[in-house]
C-alpha atoms as a PDB file:
ATOM      1  CA  UNK A   1      33.830  24.424 -28.513  1.00  0.00           C
ATOM      2  CA  UNK A   2      34.053  24.121 -24.442  1.00  0.00           C
ATOM      3  CA  UNK A   3      35.228  21.142 -22.930  1.00  0.00           C
ATOM      4  CA  UNK A   4      34.499  21.028 -19.274  1.00  0.00           C
ATOM      5  CA  UNK A   5      36.872  18.642 -17.122  1.00  0.00           C
ATOM      6  CA  UNK A   6      34.474  17.964 -14.039  1.00  0.00           C
ATOM      7  CA  UNK A   7      36.032  17.561 -10.847  1.00  0.00           C
ATOM      8  CA  UNK A   8      39.331  17.083 -12.374  1.00  0.00           C
ATOM      9  CA  UNK A   9      40.107  20.226 -13.002  1.00  0.00           C
ATOM     10  CA  UNK A  10      39.486  20.627  -9.027  1.00  0.00           C
ATOM     11  CA  UNK A  11      41.674  18.104  -7.875  1.00  0.00           C
ATOM     12  CA  UNK A  12      44.611  19.478  -8.927  1.00  0.00           C
ATOM     13  CA  UNK A  13      44.095  22.113  -6.845  1.00  0.00           C
ATOM     14  CA  UNK A  14      44.017  20.027  -3.582  1.00  0.00           C
ATOM     15  CA  UNK A  15      46.276  19.200  -1.231  1.00  0.00           C
ATOM     16  CA  UNK A  16      46.954  15.294  -1.427  1.00  0.00           C
ATOM     17  CA  UNK A  17      46.616  15.542   2.600  1.00  0.00           C
ATOM     18  CA  UNK A  18      42.997  16.978   1.650  1.00  0.00           C
ATOM     19  CA  UNK A  19      42.061  14.253  -0.546  1.00  0.00           C
ATOM     20  CA  UNK A  20      43.216  11.632   2.028  1.00  0.00           C
ATOM     21  CA  UNK A  21      40.753  13.484   4.665  1.00  0.00           C
ATOM     22  CA  UNK A  22      37.958  13.282   2.100  1.00  0.00           C
ATOM     23  CA  UNK A  23      38.457   9.507   0.762  1.00  0.00           C
ATOM     24  CA  UNK A  24      38.730   8.946   4.650  1.00  0.00           C
ATOM     25  CA  UNK A  25      35.003  10.712   5.271  1.00  0.00           C
ATOM     26  CA  UNK A  26      33.753   8.877   2.043  1.00  0.00           C
ATOM     27  CA  UNK A  27      34.427   5.686   3.394  1.00  0.00           C
ATOM     28  CA  UNK A  28      33.657   6.448   6.837  1.00  0.00           C
ATOM     29  CA  UNK A  29      30.169   7.072   5.819  1.00  0.00           C
ATOM     30  CA  UNK A  30      27.527   4.570   7.651  1.00  0.00           C
ATOM     31  CA  UNK A  31      25.080   3.096   4.560  1.00  0.00           C
ATOM     32  CA  UNK A  32      23.680   0.547   6.182  1.00  0.00           C
ATOM     33  CA  UNK A  33      24.062  -2.900   4.645  1.00  0.00           C
ATOM     34  CA  UNK A  34      22.100  -5.448   3.065  1.00  0.00           C
ATOM     35  CA  UNK A  35      20.944  -8.529   5.312  1.00  0.00           C
ATOM     36  CA  UNK A  36      21.963 -11.963   3.679  1.00  0.00           C
ATOM     37  CA  UNK A  37      19.370 -14.247   3.827  1.00  0.00           C
ATOM     38  CA  UNK A  38      19.165 -17.906   3.067  1.00  0.00           C
ATOM     39  CA  UNK A  39      17.330 -19.989   1.059  1.00  0.00           C
ATOM     40  CA  UNK A  40      14.781 -21.113   4.107  1.00  0.00           C
ATOM     41  CA  UNK A  41      13.539 -17.498   4.282  1.00  0.00           C
ATOM     42  CA  UNK A  42      12.826 -16.592   0.443  1.00  0.00           C
ATOM     43  CA  UNK A  43      10.703 -20.647   1.007  1.00  0.00           C
ATOM     44  CA  UNK A  44       8.849 -18.303   3.730  1.00  0.00           C
ATOM     45  CA  UNK A  45       8.242 -15.153   1.996  1.00  0.00           C
ATOM     46  CA  UNK A  46       7.379 -17.387  -1.147  1.00  0.00           C
ATOM     47  CA  UNK A  47       4.648 -19.184   1.282  1.00  0.00           C
ATOM     48  CA  UNK A  48       3.154 -16.427   3.558  1.00  0.00           C
ATOM     49  CA  UNK A  49       2.835 -13.761  -0.014  1.00  0.00           C
ATOM     50  CA  UNK A  50       0.959 -16.930  -1.378  1.00  0.00           C
ATOM     51  CA  UNK A  51      -1.280 -17.322   1.294  1.00  0.00           C
ATOM     52  CA  UNK A  52      -2.051 -13.304   1.629  1.00  0.00           C
ATOM     53  CA  UNK A  53      -3.012 -13.175  -1.935  1.00  0.00           C
ATOM     54  CA  UNK A  54      -5.702 -16.398  -1.906  1.00  0.00           C
ATOM     55  CA  UNK A  55      -7.112 -14.620   1.204  1.00  0.00           C
ATOM     56  CA  UNK A  56      -6.651 -10.970   0.118  1.00  0.00           C
ATOM     57  CA  UNK A  57      -4.788 -10.289   3.274  1.00  0.00           C
ATOM     58  CA  UNK A  58      -2.365  -6.936   3.861  1.00  0.00           C
ATOM     59  CA  UNK A  59       1.320  -7.645   4.687  1.00  0.00           C
ATOM     60  CA  UNK A  60       4.232  -5.436   6.143  1.00  0.00           C
ATOM     61  CA  UNK A  61       7.050  -5.799   3.666  1.00  0.00           C
ATOM     62  CA  UNK A  62      10.964  -4.426   5.329  1.00  0.00           C
ATOM     63  CA  UNK A  63      12.893  -3.918   2.160  1.00  0.00           C
ATOM     64  CA  UNK A  64      15.979  -2.619   1.969  1.00  0.00           C
ATOM     65  CA  UNK A  65      17.189  -0.047  -0.467  1.00  0.00           C
ATOM     66  CA  UNK A  66      19.919   2.454  -0.989  1.00  0.00           C
ATOM     67  CA  UNK A  67      21.240   2.198   2.055  1.00  0.00           C
ATOM     68  CA  UNK A  68      18.444   2.253   4.289  1.00  0.00           C
ATOM     69  CA  UNK A  69      15.728  -0.314   5.522  1.00  0.00           C
ATOM     70  CA  UNK A  70      12.369   0.962   4.883  1.00  0.00           C
ATOM     71  CA  UNK A  71       8.876  -0.606   5.074  1.00  0.00           C
ATOM     72  CA  UNK A  72       5.930  -0.360   2.893  1.00  0.00           C
ATOM     73  CA  UNK A  73       2.158  -1.557   3.713  1.00  0.00           C
ATOM     74  CA  UNK A  74      -0.472  -3.137   1.673  1.00  0.00           C
ATOM     75  CA  UNK A  75      -1.963  -6.169  -0.642  1.00  0.00           C
ATOM     76  CA  UNK A  76      -0.163  -8.166  -3.018  1.00  0.00           C
ATOM     77  CA  UNK A  77      -1.382  -7.307  -6.588  1.00  0.00           C
ATOM     78  CA  UNK A  78       0.786  -9.231  -9.163  1.00  0.00           C
ATOM     79  CA  UNK A  79       4.144 -11.407  -8.920  1.00  0.00           C
ATOM     80  CA  UNK A  80       6.307 -10.565 -11.899  1.00  0.00           C
ATOM     81  CA  UNK A  81       8.424 -13.575 -12.255  1.00  0.00           C
ATOM     82  CA  UNK A  82      10.220 -12.348 -15.362  1.00  0.00           C
ATOM     83  CA  UNK A  83      10.617  -8.756 -14.152  1.00  0.00           C
ATOM     84  CA  UNK A  84      11.074 -10.636 -10.231  1.00  0.00           C
ATOM     85  CA  UNK A  85       9.100  -7.733  -8.789  1.00  0.00           C
ATOM     86  CA  UNK A  86       5.523  -7.657  -6.277  1.00  0.00           C
ATOM     87  CA  UNK A  87       3.226  -5.191  -8.069  1.00  0.00           C
ATOM     88  CA  UNK A  88       1.325  -4.148  -4.308  1.00  0.00           C
ATOM     89  CA  UNK A  89      -1.497  -2.091  -3.672  1.00  0.00           C
ATOM     90  CA  UNK A  90      -0.994   0.336  -0.897  1.00  0.00           C
ATOM     91  CA  UNK A  91      -3.723   1.804   1.919  1.00  0.00           C
ATOM     92  CA  UNK A  92      -4.256   4.480  -0.871  1.00  0.00           C
ATOM     93  CA  UNK A  93      -4.931   2.412  -3.483  1.00  0.00           C
ATOM     94  CA  UNK A  94      -1.230   3.454  -5.276  1.00  0.00           C
ATOM     95  CA  UNK A  95       0.318   0.490  -7.331  1.00  0.00           C
ATOM     96  CA  UNK A  96       4.557   0.115  -6.077  1.00  0.00           C
ATOM     97  CA  UNK A  97       6.958  -2.221  -7.475  1.00  0.00           C
ATOM     98  CA  UNK A  98       8.764  -3.632  -4.910  1.00  0.00           C
ATOM     99  CA  UNK A  99      11.754  -6.125  -6.330  1.00  0.00           C
ATOM    100  CA  UNK A 100      12.632  -9.672  -4.902  1.00  0.00           C
ATOM    101  CA  UNK A 101      16.018  -9.333  -4.089  1.00  0.00           C
ATOM    102  CA  UNK A 102      15.177  -6.574  -1.852  1.00  0.00           C
ATOM    103  CA  UNK A 103      13.223  -8.103   0.638  1.00  0.00           C
ATOM    104  CA  UNK A 104      13.965  -8.321   4.114  1.00  0.00           C
ATOM    105  CA  UNK A 105      11.394  -9.380   5.743  1.00  0.00           C
ATOM    106  CA  UNK A 106       7.442 -10.110   5.099  1.00  0.00           C
ATOM    107  CA  UNK A 107       4.732 -10.099   8.074  1.00  0.00           C
ATOM    108  CA  UNK A 108       0.857 -10.237   8.749  1.00  0.00           C
ATOM    109  CA  UNK A 109      -0.168  -6.954   9.407  1.00  0.00           C
END
């Protein structure tokens, strides 16, 4: 049976200077950091979502995902309180899930 040690076998052949440079490079990568929102902002999001669901209007969501800030536009189809997710119907009538914790901005389109 062959037991692969993964990256452990390669780090033994690297000089300490190279390991240090790789760690510095990894730490230097600029991943976007998620903005911290206060409780008042979440109350505004809640009010905006409720009004949009009543009027069936389109919202534009700004959200944080894997170090990037992305945008999504669509109608709020369903709010799942247990999973803390929104189900959003986009322009192509596809359902997309959006975690409530990832949302950093909501605007009317």
